[in-house]
C-alpha atoms as a PDB file:
ATOM      1  CA  MET A   1     101.849 -11.890 -51.476  1.00  0.00           C
ATOM      2  CA  PRO A   2     105.076 -13.339 -52.960  1.00  0.00           C
ATOM      3  CA  GLU A   3     106.467 -16.939 -52.605  1.00  0.00           C
ATOM      4  CA  VAL A   4     109.679 -15.628 -50.999  1.00  0.00           C
ATOM      5  CA  MET A   5     110.481 -12.946 -48.517  1.00  0.00           C
ATOM      6  CA  THR A   6     113.942 -11.440 -47.659  1.00  0.00           C
ATOM      7  CA  ILE A   7     115.291  -8.722 -45.471  1.00  0.00           C
ATOM      8  CA  GLY A   8     118.396  -6.736 -45.953  1.00  0.00           C
ATOM      9  CA  GLU A   9     120.062  -3.426 -47.117  1.00  0.00           C
ATOM     10  CA  PRO A  10     119.909  -2.689 -50.818  1.00  0.00           C
ATOM     11  CA  MET A  11     122.346  -0.015 -52.069  1.00  0.00           C
ATOM     12  CA  VAL A  12     123.150   1.940 -55.089  1.00  0.00           C
ATOM     13  CA  ASN A  13     126.372   0.503 -56.592  1.00  0.00           C
ATOM     14  CA  LEU A  14     128.677   2.894 -58.596  1.00  0.00           C
ATOM     15  CA  ILE A  15     131.087   0.775 -60.584  1.00  0.00           C
ATOM     16  CA  ALA A  16     134.399   1.610 -62.338  1.00  0.00           C
ATOM     17  CA  ASP A  17     133.926  -1.021 -65.059  1.00  0.00           C
ATOM     18  CA  SER A  18     137.664  -1.282 -65.627  1.00  0.00           C
ATOM     19  CA  THR A  19     140.963  -1.615 -63.709  1.00  0.00           C
ATOM     20  CA  GLU A  20     141.191   2.201 -63.160  1.00  0.00           C
ATOM     21  CA  THR A  21     141.336   3.565 -59.655  1.00  0.00           C
ATOM     22  CA  TYR A  22     138.581   5.823 -58.456  1.00  0.00           C
ATOM     23  CA  LEU A  23     140.821   8.898 -59.201  1.00  0.00           C
ATOM     24  CA  GLU A  24     141.369   7.799 -62.703  1.00  0.00           C
ATOM     25  CA  ALA A  25     137.798   6.717 -63.619  1.00  0.00           C
ATOM     26  CA  ARG A  26     135.620   9.298 -65.360  1.00  0.00           C
ATOM     27  CA  GLN A  27     132.534   7.191 -65.523  1.00  0.00           C
ATOM     28  CA  LEU A  28     130.733   5.192 -62.716  1.00  0.00           C
ATOM     29  CA  PRO A  29     127.731   3.193 -64.196  1.00  0.00           C
ATOM     30  CA  ARG A  30     124.872   2.927 -61.605  1.00  0.00           C
ATOM     31  CA  GLN A  31     123.715  -0.423 -60.730  1.00  0.00           C
ATOM     32  CA  MET A  32     122.184  -2.067 -57.543  1.00  0.00           C
ATOM     33  CA  ALA A  33     123.938  -4.065 -54.788  1.00  0.00           C
ATOM     34  CA  GLY A  34     123.407  -5.796 -51.489  1.00  0.00           C
ATOM     35  CA  ALA A  35     123.570  -9.594 -50.827  1.00  0.00           C
ATOM     36  CA  GLU A  36     119.833 -10.065 -50.209  1.00  0.00           C
ATOM     37  CA  PHE A  37     119.002  -7.763 -53.232  1.00  0.00           C
ATOM     38  CA  ASN A  38     121.145 -10.148 -55.434  1.00  0.00           C
ATOM     39  CA  VAL A  39     119.205 -13.040 -54.118  1.00  0.00           C
ATOM     40  CA  ALA A  40     115.949 -11.309 -54.873  1.00  0.00           C
ATOM     41  CA  ILE A  41     117.049 -10.724 -58.407  1.00  0.00           C
ATOM     42  CA  GLY A  42     118.100 -14.284 -58.826  1.00  0.00           C
ATOM     43  CA  VAL A  43     114.796 -15.625 -57.534  1.00  0.00           C
ATOM     44  CA  SER A  44     112.860 -13.239 -59.715  1.00  0.00           C
ATOM     45  CA  ARG A  45     114.760 -14.211 -62.883  1.00  0.00           C
ATOM     46  CA  GLN A  46     113.992 -17.834 -62.224  1.00  0.00           C
ATOM     47  CA  GLY A  47     110.225 -16.981 -62.516  1.00  0.00           C
ATOM     48  CA  HIS A  48     109.350 -16.778 -58.782  1.00  0.00           C
ATOM     49  CA  SER A  49     107.974 -13.913 -56.732  1.00  0.00           C
ATOM     50  CA  ILE A  50     109.831 -12.265 -53.923  1.00  0.00           C
ATOM     51  CA  GLY A  51     109.265  -9.389 -51.516  1.00  0.00           C
ATOM     52  CA  TYR A  52     111.808  -7.182 -49.793  1.00  0.00           C
ATOM     53  CA  VAL A  53     111.593  -6.023 -46.174  1.00  0.00           C
ATOM     54  CA  THR A  54     113.885  -3.024 -45.445  1.00  0.00           C
ATOM     55  CA  GLN A  55     113.935   0.717 -44.375  1.00  0.00           C
ATOM     56  CA  LEU A  56     115.284   3.279 -47.080  1.00  0.00           C
ATOM     57  CA  GLY A  57     115.761   6.935 -46.815  1.00  0.00           C
ATOM     58  CA  ASP A  58     113.483   9.488 -48.445  1.00  0.00           C
ATOM     59  CA  ASP A  59     116.138  10.369 -51.008  1.00  0.00           C
ATOM     60  CA  TRP A  60     117.100   9.745 -54.616  1.00  0.00           C
ATOM     61  CA  GLN A  61     119.052   6.504 -53.797  1.00  0.00           C
ATOM     62  CA  GLY A  62     115.874   5.145 -52.184  1.00  0.00           C
ATOM     63  CA  ASP A  63     113.654   6.221 -55.144  1.00  0.00           C
ATOM     64  CA  LEU A  64     116.184   4.610 -57.472  1.00  0.00           C
ATOM     65  CA  ILE A  65     115.992   1.274 -55.574  1.00  0.00           C
ATOM     66  CA  VAL A  66     112.251   1.102 -55.259  1.00  0.00           C
ATOM     67  CA  ASP A  67     111.829   1.989 -58.906  1.00  0.00           C
ATOM     68  CA  TYR A  68     114.287  -0.713 -60.055  1.00  0.00           C
ATOM     69  CA  MET A  69     112.634  -3.274 -57.665  1.00  0.00           C
ATOM     70  CA  ASN A  70     109.209  -2.421 -59.093  1.00  0.00           C
ATOM     71  CA  ALA A  71     110.479  -2.678 -62.674  1.00  0.00           C
ATOM     72  CA  THR A  72     111.975  -6.126 -62.007  1.00  0.00           C
ATOM     73  CA  GLY A  73     108.830  -7.527 -60.303  1.00  0.00           C
ATOM     74  CA  ILE A  74     110.210  -7.432 -56.597  1.00  0.00           C
ATOM     75  CA  ASP A  75     107.379  -6.728 -54.211  1.00  0.00           C
ATOM     76  CA  THR A  76     108.162  -3.438 -52.321  1.00  0.00           C
ATOM     77  CA  SER A  77     105.016  -3.357 -50.064  1.00  0.00           C
ATOM     78  CA  ALA A  78     107.041  -4.030 -46.919  1.00  0.00           C
ATOM     79  CA  ILE A  79     109.690  -1.346 -47.529  1.00  0.00           C
ATOM     80  CA  ARG A  80     109.444   1.630 -45.111  1.00  0.00           C
ATOM     81  CA  ARG A  81     110.729   5.102 -46.241  1.00  0.00           C
ATOM     82  CA  VAL A  82     111.990   7.436 -43.562  1.00  0.00           C
ATOM     83  CA  SER A  83     113.447  10.913 -43.379  1.00  0.00           C
ATOM     84  CA  GLY A  84     116.598  11.836 -41.305  1.00  0.00           C
ATOM     85  CA  ALA A  85     118.743   8.946 -42.467  1.00  0.00           C
ATOM     86  CA  ALA A  86     120.150   8.299 -45.948  1.00  0.00           C
ATOM     87  CA  THR A  87     120.060   5.210 -48.241  1.00  0.00           C
ATOM     88  CA  GLY A  88     123.322   3.461 -48.329  1.00  0.00           C
ATOM     89  CA  PHE A  89     125.543   3.209 -51.362  1.00  0.00           C
ATOM     90  CA  GLN A  90     128.927   1.749 -52.383  1.00  0.00           C
ATOM     91  CA  LEU A  91     131.783   2.172 -54.910  1.00  0.00           C
ATOM     92  CA  LYS A  92     133.325  -0.729 -56.660  1.00  0.00           C
ATOM     93  CA  VAL A  93     136.479  -1.117 -58.814  1.00  0.00           C
ATOM     94  CA  ARG A  94     137.321  -4.248 -60.846  1.00  0.00           C
ATOM     95  CA  SER A  95     140.518  -6.115 -60.096  1.00  0.00           C
ATOM     96  CA  SER A  96     142.481  -8.571 -62.303  1.00  0.00           C
ATOM     97  CA  ASP A  97     142.221 -11.329 -59.710  1.00  0.00           C
ATOM     98  CA  GLY A  98     138.443 -11.322 -59.677  1.00  0.00           C
ATOM     99  CA  GLU A  99     138.260  -9.818 -56.107  1.00  0.00           C
ATOM    100  CA  PRO A 100     136.936  -6.258 -56.535  1.00  0.00           C
ATOM    101  CA  LYS A 101     137.758  -3.329 -54.273  1.00  0.00           C
ATOM    102  CA  VAL A 102     134.647  -2.078 -52.618  1.00  0.00           C
ATOM    103  CA  ILE A 103     134.066   1.107 -50.407  1.00  0.00           C
ATOM    104  CA  TYR A 104     130.851   1.276 -48.422  1.00  0.00           C
ATOM    105  CA  PHE A 105     128.944   4.403 -47.476  1.00  0.00           C
ATOM    106  CA  ARG A 106     126.286   2.865 -45.121  1.00  0.00           C
ATOM    107  CA  ALA A 107     127.200   3.811 -41.562  1.00  0.00           C
ATOM    108  CA  GLY A 108     124.054   5.382 -39.873  1.00  0.00           C
ATOM    109  CA  SER A 109     121.960   4.411 -42.946  1.00  0.00           C
ATOM    110  CA  ALA A 110     118.260   4.265 -42.922  1.00  0.00           C
ATOM    111  CA  ALA A 111     118.409   0.336 -43.174  1.00  0.00           C
ATOM    112  CA  SER A 112     120.778   0.204 -40.215  1.00  0.00           C
ATOM    113  CA  LYS A 113     118.027   1.970 -38.120  1.00  0.00           C
ATOM    114  CA  THR A 114     115.390  -0.590 -38.924  1.00  0.00           C
ATOM    115  CA  THR A 115     113.389  -1.685 -35.759  1.00  0.00           C
ATOM    116  CA  PRO A 116     111.476  -4.870 -35.010  1.00  0.00           C
ATOM    117  CA  ASP A 117     108.115  -3.206 -35.418  1.00  0.00           C
ATOM    118  CA  ILE A 118     108.586  -3.305 -39.113  1.00  0.00           C
ATOM    119  CA  VAL A 119     107.611  -6.945 -38.895  1.00  0.00           C
ATOM    120  CA  ASP A 120     104.142  -5.998 -37.897  1.00  0.00           C
ATOM    121  CA  ASP A 121     103.545  -4.751 -41.474  1.00  0.00           C
ATOM    122  CA  VAL A 122     104.698  -7.932 -43.170  1.00  0.00           C
ATOM    123  CA  ASP A 123     101.972 -10.054 -44.670  1.00  0.00           C
ATOM    124  CA  PHE A 124     102.880 -13.689 -44.828  1.00  0.00           C
ATOM    125  CA  THR A 125      99.962 -14.862 -46.841  1.00  0.00           C
ATOM    126  CA  GLY A 126     101.342 -17.055 -49.674  1.00  0.00           C
ATOM    127  CA  VAL A 127     104.991 -16.810 -48.389  1.00  0.00           C
ATOM    128  CA  ARG A 128     106.700 -20.248 -48.449  1.00  0.00           C
ATOM    129  CA  ILE A 129     110.375 -19.305 -47.756  1.00  0.00           C
ATOM    130  CA  LEU A 130     112.127 -16.495 -45.718  1.00  0.00           C
ATOM    131  CA  HIS A 131     115.684 -15.884 -46.749  1.00  0.00           C
ATOM    132  CA  VAL A 132     117.867 -14.111 -44.156  1.00  0.00           C
ATOM    133  CA  THR A 133     121.678 -13.346 -43.922  1.00  0.00           C
ATOM    134  CA  GLY A 134     124.293 -12.542 -41.315  1.00  0.00           C
ATOM    135  CA  ILE A 135     124.910  -9.191 -42.938  1.00  0.00           C
ATOM    136  CA  PHE A 136     121.780  -7.352 -42.022  1.00  0.00           C
ATOM    137  CA  SER A 137     121.825  -9.040 -38.735  1.00  0.00           C
ATOM    138  CA  ALA A 138     125.184  -7.540 -37.953  1.00  0.00           C
ATOM    139  CA  LEU A 139     124.461  -3.826 -38.803  1.00  0.00           C
ATOM    140  CA  THR A 140     123.215  -2.982 -35.260  1.00  0.00           C
ATOM    141  CA  ASP A 141     121.574  -4.485 -32.264  1.00  0.00           C
ATOM    142  CA  GLN A 142     118.248  -3.383 -33.676  1.00  0.00           C
ATOM    143  CA  THR A 143     118.658  -5.022 -37.056  1.00  0.00           C
ATOM    144  CA  TYR A 144     119.585  -8.260 -35.245  1.00  0.00           C
ATOM    145  CA  GLU A 145     116.471  -8.098 -33.181  1.00  0.00           C
ATOM    146  CA  THR A 146     114.511  -7.294 -36.345  1.00  0.00           C
ATOM    147  CA  VAL A 147     115.754 -10.397 -38.074  1.00  0.00           C
ATOM    148  CA  ASN A 148     114.968 -12.510 -35.148  1.00  0.00           C
ATOM    149  CA  ALA A 149     111.540 -11.147 -34.951  1.00  0.00           C
ATOM    150  CA  LEU A 150     110.907 -11.767 -38.617  1.00  0.00           C
ATOM    151  CA  VAL A 151     112.199 -15.273 -38.281  1.00  0.00           C
ATOM    152  CA  ASP A 152     109.976 -15.927 -35.369  1.00  0.00           C
ATOM    153  CA  ALA A 153     106.893 -14.523 -37.239  1.00  0.00           C
ATOM    154  CA  ALA A 154     107.804 -16.660 -40.324  1.00  0.00           C
ATOM    155  CA  LYS A 155     108.009 -19.838 -38.219  1.00  0.00           C
ATOM    156  CA  ALA A 156     104.699 -19.004 -36.603  1.00  0.00           C
ATOM    157  CA  HIS A 157     103.119 -18.859 -40.118  1.00  0.00           C
ATOM    158  CA  GLY A 158     104.668 -22.213 -41.183  1.00  0.00           C
ATOM    159  CA  VAL A 159     107.249 -20.563 -43.469  1.00  0.00           C
ATOM    160  CA  THR A 160     110.581 -22.318 -44.203  1.00  0.00           C
ATOM    161  CA  VAL A 161     113.442 -20.187 -43.076  1.00  0.00           C
ATOM    162  CA  LEU A 162     116.787 -20.223 -45.018  1.00  0.00           C
ATOM    163  CA  PHE A 163     119.847 -18.636 -43.407  1.00  0.00           C
ATOM    164  CA  ASP A 164     123.020 -17.693 -45.244  1.00  0.00           C
ATOM    165  CA  PRO A 165     125.580 -16.593 -42.440  1.00  0.00           C
ATOM    166  CA  ASN A 166     127.647 -14.442 -44.995  1.00  0.00           C
ATOM    167  CA  PRO A 167     129.850 -13.143 -42.122  1.00  0.00           C
ATOM    168  CA  ARG A 168     131.061  -9.619 -41.891  1.00  0.00           C
ATOM    169  CA  PRO A 169     133.512  -9.636 -39.004  1.00  0.00           C
ATOM    170  CA  THR A 170     134.141  -5.819 -39.025  1.00  0.00           C
ATOM    171  CA  LEU A 171     130.527  -5.277 -38.205  1.00  0.00           C
ATOM    172  CA  TRP A 172     130.723  -7.202 -34.978  1.00  0.00           C
ATOM    173  CA  PRO A 173     132.291  -6.033 -31.636  1.00  0.00           C
ATOM    174  CA  SER A 174     134.378  -9.465 -31.633  1.00  0.00           C
ATOM    175  CA  GLN A 175     134.661 -12.652 -33.460  1.00  0.00           C
ATOM    176  CA  GLN A 176     133.166 -14.523 -30.592  1.00  0.00           C
ATOM    177  CA  ALA A 177     130.190 -12.132 -30.415  1.00  0.00           C
ATOM    178  CA  MET A 178     129.631 -12.939 -34.193  1.00  0.00           C
ATOM    179  CA  ILE A 179     129.814 -16.720 -33.681  1.00  0.00           C
ATOM    180  CA  GLU A 180     127.519 -16.813 -30.785  1.00  0.00           C
ATOM    181  CA  ALA A 181     124.947 -14.531 -32.371  1.00  0.00           C
ATOM    182  CA  THR A 182     125.103 -16.430 -35.790  1.00  0.00           C
ATOM    183  CA  ASN A 183     124.575 -19.799 -33.927  1.00  0.00           C
ATOM    184  CA  ARG A 184     121.649 -18.437 -32.096  1.00  0.00           C
ATOM    185  CA  LEU A 185     120.002 -17.492 -35.253  1.00  0.00           C
ATOM    186  CA  ALA A 186     120.922 -20.664 -37.139  1.00  0.00           C
ATOM    187  CA  ALA A 187     119.311 -22.853 -34.536  1.00  0.00           C
ATOM    188  CA  LYS A 188     115.952 -21.213 -35.386  1.00  0.00           C
ATOM    189  CA  CYS A 189     116.265 -21.899 -39.079  1.00  0.00           C
ATOM    190  CA  ASP A 190     115.316 -24.888 -41.403  1.00  0.00           C
ATOM    191  CA  VAL A 191     118.117 -24.519 -44.029  1.00  0.00           C
ATOM    192  CA  PHE A 192     121.671 -23.295 -43.256  1.00  0.00           C
ATOM    193  CA  LEU A 193     124.005 -22.366 -46.152  1.00  0.00           C
ATOM    194  CA  PRO A 194     127.620 -21.852 -44.802  1.00  0.00           C
ATOM    195  CA  GLY A 195     130.664 -21.898 -46.994  1.00  0.00           C
ATOM    196  CA  LEU A 196     133.342 -24.464 -45.831  1.00  0.00           C
ATOM    197  CA  SER A 197     135.465 -21.805 -44.089  1.00  0.00           C
ATOM    198  CA  GLU A 198     132.334 -20.245 -42.576  1.00  0.00           C
ATOM    199  CA  GLY A 199     131.183 -23.556 -41.294  1.00  0.00           C
ATOM    200  CA  GLN A 200     134.542 -24.131 -39.694  1.00  0.00           C
ATOM    201  CA  LEU A 201     134.550 -20.763 -38.068  1.00  0.00           C
ATOM    202  CA  PHE A 202     131.155 -21.059 -36.615  1.00  0.00           C
ATOM    203  CA  SER A 203     131.123 -24.699 -35.584  1.00  0.00           C
ATOM    204  CA  GLY A 204     134.807 -24.994 -34.545  1.00  0.00           C
ATOM    205  CA  ARG A 205     134.973 -28.146 -36.648  1.00  0.00           C
ATOM    206  CA  GLN A 206     137.049 -28.805 -39.826  1.00  0.00           C
ATOM    207  CA  ALA A 207     135.516 -31.402 -42.006  1.00  0.00           C
ATOM    208  CA  PRO A 208     132.189 -30.892 -43.857  1.00  0.00           C
ATOM    209  CA  ARG A 209     130.510 -33.933 -42.252  1.00  0.00           C
ATOM    210  CA  ASP A 210     131.545 -32.813 -38.772  1.00  0.00           C
ATOM    211  CA  ILE A 211     130.277 -29.233 -39.513  1.00  0.00           C
ATOM    212  CA  ALA A 212     126.961 -30.794 -40.714  1.00  0.00           C
ATOM    213  CA  ASP A 213     126.601 -32.921 -37.584  1.00  0.00           C
ATOM    214  CA  TYR A 214     127.175 -29.806 -35.352  1.00  0.00           C
ATOM    215  CA  TYR A 215     124.192 -28.109 -37.002  1.00  0.00           C
ATOM    216  CA  LEU A 216     121.958 -31.121 -37.541  1.00  0.00           C
ATOM    217  CA  ASP A 217     122.208 -31.817 -33.879  1.00  0.00           C
ATOM    218  CA  MET A 218     120.767 -28.289 -33.325  1.00  0.00           C
ATOM    219  CA  GLY A 219     117.676 -29.558 -35.115  1.00  0.00           C
ATOM    220  CA  ILE A 220     118.255 -27.813 -38.470  1.00  0.00           C
ATOM    221  CA  GLY A 221     116.684 -29.916 -41.201  1.00  0.00           C
ATOM    222  CA  LYS A 222     119.222 -29.295 -44.076  1.00  0.00           C
ATOM    223  CA  ILE A 223     122.854 -28.117 -44.168  1.00  0.00           C
ATOM    224  CA  ILE A 224     124.278 -27.049 -47.484  1.00  0.00           C
ATOM    225  CA  VAL A 225     127.979 -26.427 -47.438  1.00  0.00           C
ATOM    226  CA  LYS A 226     129.547 -24.532 -50.370  1.00  0.00           C
ATOM    227  CA  LEU A 227     132.857 -26.143 -51.191  1.00  0.00           C
ATOM    228  CA  GLY A 228     134.538 -23.169 -52.776  1.00  0.00           C
ATOM    229  CA  ASP A 229     134.532 -23.194 -56.603  1.00  0.00           C
ATOM    230  CA  THR A 230     134.527 -27.058 -56.931  1.00  0.00           C
ATOM    231  CA  GLY A 231     130.923 -27.682 -55.854  1.00  0.00           C
ATOM    232  CA  SER A 232     128.623 -28.140 -52.862  1.00  0.00           C
ATOM    233  CA  VAL A 233     127.193 -30.805 -50.479  1.00  0.00           C
ATOM    234  CA  ALA A 234     123.829 -31.154 -48.937  1.00  0.00           C
ATOM    235  CA  PHE A 235     123.350 -32.961 -45.553  1.00  0.00           C
ATOM    236  CA  GLY A 236     120.231 -34.095 -43.816  1.00  0.00           C
ATOM    237  CA  ARG A 237     118.823 -36.844 -41.559  1.00  0.00           C
ATOM    238  CA  ASN A 238     116.989 -39.880 -42.820  1.00  0.00           C
ATOM    239  CA  ALA A 239     113.969 -41.576 -41.077  1.00  0.00           C
ATOM    240  CA  ASP A 240     116.345 -43.643 -38.834  1.00  0.00           C
ATOM    241  CA  GLY A 241     118.335 -40.533 -37.823  1.00  0.00           C
ATOM    242  CA  GLY A 242     121.336 -41.318 -39.891  1.00  0.00           C
ATOM    243  CA  ARG A 243     123.117 -38.595 -41.810  1.00  0.00           C
ATOM    244  CA  THR A 244     122.507 -38.272 -45.565  1.00  0.00           C
ATOM    245  CA  GLU A 245     124.661 -36.417 -48.008  1.00  0.00           C
ATOM    246  CA  VAL A 246     124.697 -35.503 -51.669  1.00  0.00           C
ATOM    247  CA  VAL A 247     127.850 -33.974 -53.331  1.00  0.00           C
ATOM    248  CA  VAL A 248     127.467 -32.125 -56.648  1.00  0.00           C
ATOM    249  CA  PRO A 249     130.380 -30.569 -58.707  1.00  0.00           C
ATOM    250  CA  SER A 250     130.353 -26.996 -59.983  1.00  0.00           C
ATOM    251  CA  PHE A 251     131.112 -25.825 -63.591  1.00  0.00           C
ATOM    252  CA  VAL A 252     134.124 -24.651 -65.543  1.00  0.00           C
ATOM    253  CA  VAL A 253     133.912 -20.931 -66.157  1.00  0.00           C
ATOM    254  CA  ASP A 254     136.295 -17.981 -66.585  1.00  0.00           C
ATOM    255  CA  VAL A 255     135.991 -15.827 -63.423  1.00  0.00           C
ATOM    256  CA  VAL A 256     135.578 -12.086 -63.892  1.00  0.00           C
ATOM    257  CA  ASP A 257     134.198 -10.913 -60.471  1.00  0.00           C
ATOM    258  CA  THR A 258     133.426 -13.222 -57.512  1.00  0.00           C
ATOM    259  CA  VAL A 259     130.980 -10.877 -55.793  1.00  0.00           C
ATOM    260  CA  GLY A 260     127.511 -12.266 -55.898  1.00  0.00           C
ATOM    261  CA  ALA A 261     128.428 -15.860 -56.327  1.00  0.00           C
ATOM    262  CA  GLY A 262     127.149 -17.035 -52.963  1.00  0.00           C
ATOM    263  CA  ASP A 263     124.045 -14.941 -53.424  1.00  0.00           C
ATOM    264  CA  GLY A 264     123.405 -16.602 -56.885  1.00  0.00           C
ATOM    265  CA  PHE A 265     123.898 -19.943 -55.120  1.00  0.00           C
ATOM    266  CA  ALA A 266     121.265 -19.049 -52.503  1.00  0.00           C
ATOM    267  CA  SER A 267     118.813 -18.031 -55.183  1.00  0.00           C
ATOM    268  CA  GLY A 268     119.333 -21.435 -56.894  1.00  0.00           C
ATOM    269  CA  VAL A 269     118.653 -23.235 -53.541  1.00  0.00           C
ATOM    270  CA  ILE A 270     115.518 -21.212 -52.872  1.00  0.00           C
ATOM    271  CA  THR A 271     114.020 -21.675 -56.257  1.00  0.00           C
ATOM    272  CA  GLY A 272     114.946 -25.437 -56.216  1.00  0.00           C
ATOM    273  CA  LEU A 273     113.071 -25.798 -52.898  1.00  0.00           C
ATOM    274  CA  LEU A 274     110.106 -23.970 -54.235  1.00  0.00           C
ATOM    275  CA  GLU A 275     109.982 -26.410 -57.226  1.00  0.00           C
ATOM    276  CA  ASP A 276     110.593 -29.403 -54.896  1.00  0.00           C
ATOM    277  CA  LEU A 277     113.806 -30.494 -56.593  1.00  0.00           C
ATOM    278  CA  ASP A 278     115.735 -33.342 -55.170  1.00  0.00           C
ATOM    279  CA  ASP A 279     119.144 -32.602 -53.609  1.00  0.00           C
ATOM    280  CA  ASP A 280     121.117 -33.529 -56.733  1.00  0.00           C
ATOM    281  CA  ALA A 281     119.144 -31.210 -58.954  1.00  0.00           C
ATOM    282  CA  LEU A 282     118.941 -28.510 -56.436  1.00  0.00           C
ATOM    283  CA  LEU A 283     122.684 -28.283 -55.933  1.00  0.00           C
ATOM    284  CA  GLU A 284     123.285 -28.543 -59.712  1.00  0.00           C
ATOM    285  CA  ARG A 285     121.018 -25.532 -60.096  1.00  0.00           C
ATOM    286  CA  ALA A 286     122.655 -23.590 -57.174  1.00  0.00           C
ATOM    287  CA  ASN A 287     126.179 -24.421 -58.431  1.00  0.00           C
ATOM    288  CA  ALA A 288     125.152 -23.273 -61.957  1.00  0.00           C
ATOM    289  CA  VAL A 289     123.696 -19.899 -60.889  1.00  0.00           C
ATOM    290  CA  GLY A 290     126.788 -19.156 -58.732  1.00  0.00           C
ATOM    291  CA  ALA A 291     129.111 -20.088 -61.641  1.00  0.00           C
ATOM    292  CA  ILE A 292     127.247 -17.925 -64.103  1.00  0.00           C
ATOM    293  CA  GLN A 293     127.327 -14.966 -61.708  1.00  0.00           C
ATOM    294  CA  VAL A 294     131.141 -14.925 -61.488  1.00  0.00           C
ATOM    295  CA  THR A 295     131.389 -14.279 -65.315  1.00  0.00           C
ATOM    296  CA  SER A 296     129.753 -10.851 -64.798  1.00  0.00           C
ATOM    297  CA  VAL A 297     131.223  -7.670 -63.312  1.00  0.00           C
ATOM    298  CA  SER A 298     127.889  -6.756 -61.805  1.00  0.00           C
ATOM    299  CA  ASP A 299     126.760  -8.064 -58.506  1.00  0.00           C
ATOM    300  CA  SER A 300     123.554  -9.295 -59.983  1.00  0.00           C
ATOM    301  CA  GLU A 301     123.250  -8.388 -63.691  1.00  0.00           C
ATOM    302  CA  GLY A 302     124.622 -11.696 -64.842  1.00  0.00           C
ATOM    303  CA  LEU A 303     122.066 -13.790 -62.894  1.00  0.00           C
ATOM    304  CA  PRO A 304     120.406 -16.080 -65.409  1.00  0.00           C
ATOM    305  CA  THR A 305     116.756 -16.383 -66.749  1.00  0.00           C
ATOM    306  CA  VAL A 306     115.183 -19.909 -66.826  1.00  0.00           C
ATOM    307  CA  GLU A 307     116.340 -20.585 -70.389  1.00  0.00           C
ATOM    308  CA  GLU A 308     119.917 -19.163 -69.892  1.00  0.00           C
ATOM    309  CA  LEU A 309     120.218 -21.524 -66.851  1.00  0.00           C
ATOM    310  CA  ARG A 310     118.957 -24.492 -68.778  1.00  0.00           C
ATOM    311  CA  LYS A 311     121.386 -23.977 -71.717  1.00  0.00           C
ATOM    312  CA  PHE A 312     124.315 -23.333 -69.236  1.00  0.00           C
ATOM    313  CA  ILE A 313     123.650 -26.687 -67.366  1.00  0.00           C
ATOM    314  CA  ALA A 314     123.174 -28.599 -70.612  1.00  0.00           C
ATOM    315  CA  PHE A 315     126.419 -27.433 -72.315  1.00  0.00           C
ATOM    316  CA  THR A 316     129.000 -26.429 -69.571  1.00  0.00           C
ATOM    317  CA  PRO A 317     131.559 -29.037 -68.455  1.00  0.00           C
ATOM    318  CA  ARG A 318     131.720 -29.869 -64.679  1.00  0.00           C
ATOM    319  CA  LYS A 319     134.649 -29.760 -62.316  1.00  0.00           C
ATOM    320  CA  GLU A 320     135.888 -32.612 -60.065  1.00  0.00           C
ATOM    321  CA  VAL A 321     134.800 -32.467 -56.356  1.00  0.00           C
ATOM    322  CA  GLU A 322     135.118 -34.614 -53.296  1.00  0.00           C
ATOM    323  CA  LEU A 323     134.750 -34.262 -49.521  1.00  0.00           C
END
């Protein structure tokens, strides 16, 4: 089995690779999307193995996704195919400000109907890290229960659990429900990856150190806060119980499309953990992968290989960062 496991909703992504509107566009190149899918691609390109847990429809979109995963080395043995529900897809149009316009077609999708019994089919042999997000958790009550069941099973097998909250407020009945559900799940995990604004929302605190203390006091081992486009900081506890912190700047790049930056960052953290990098090197890698991704219009096509990442880190200037 693979070193890493993730669970989510992969989708076919139809992109108008210009500033045209959907009505104007005459070509929509077909790629793949989904936050967890982006992470899987990032991990795979860094030379590590990853498997995907999800439910897809018995349709052409599902066939396309499974074929693409198999071709890129993503383990599909834990993917369930069902009839009676379609595989989700999305449409995306570029924007001059780097924030693309996206329309989703995922309501009632096969993935949203995933139930906790899918965890019974997951083989944790050799798995070292489980990556989960707040997106799949938010789709339905069933998917939230499924993510929790997978986390519980992973912990029982000694697997490190990494949680990127990646909030989607429109998928929850209320902001308070989202906050409470997210924090319940975070408390079970080993590594928590909020952005600064996400950490502020979920903890009710403003400063990165105070956000870190909120989650370290829950018993989470490592908190990594993304500081926008300037860098990131990792917090932990030393043997005496004191808080540790490492701050690392990001890189200077021309932004084309911001989608997938956080997912690229997560893939850098995951592979850094697999390779036992110290926090300085781990954050440098994560920042670099995220920075590279924003230079590409695709959600994941720009994610780097090992050699591309090495060259980027060696030759790209850094920004200034402080807490």
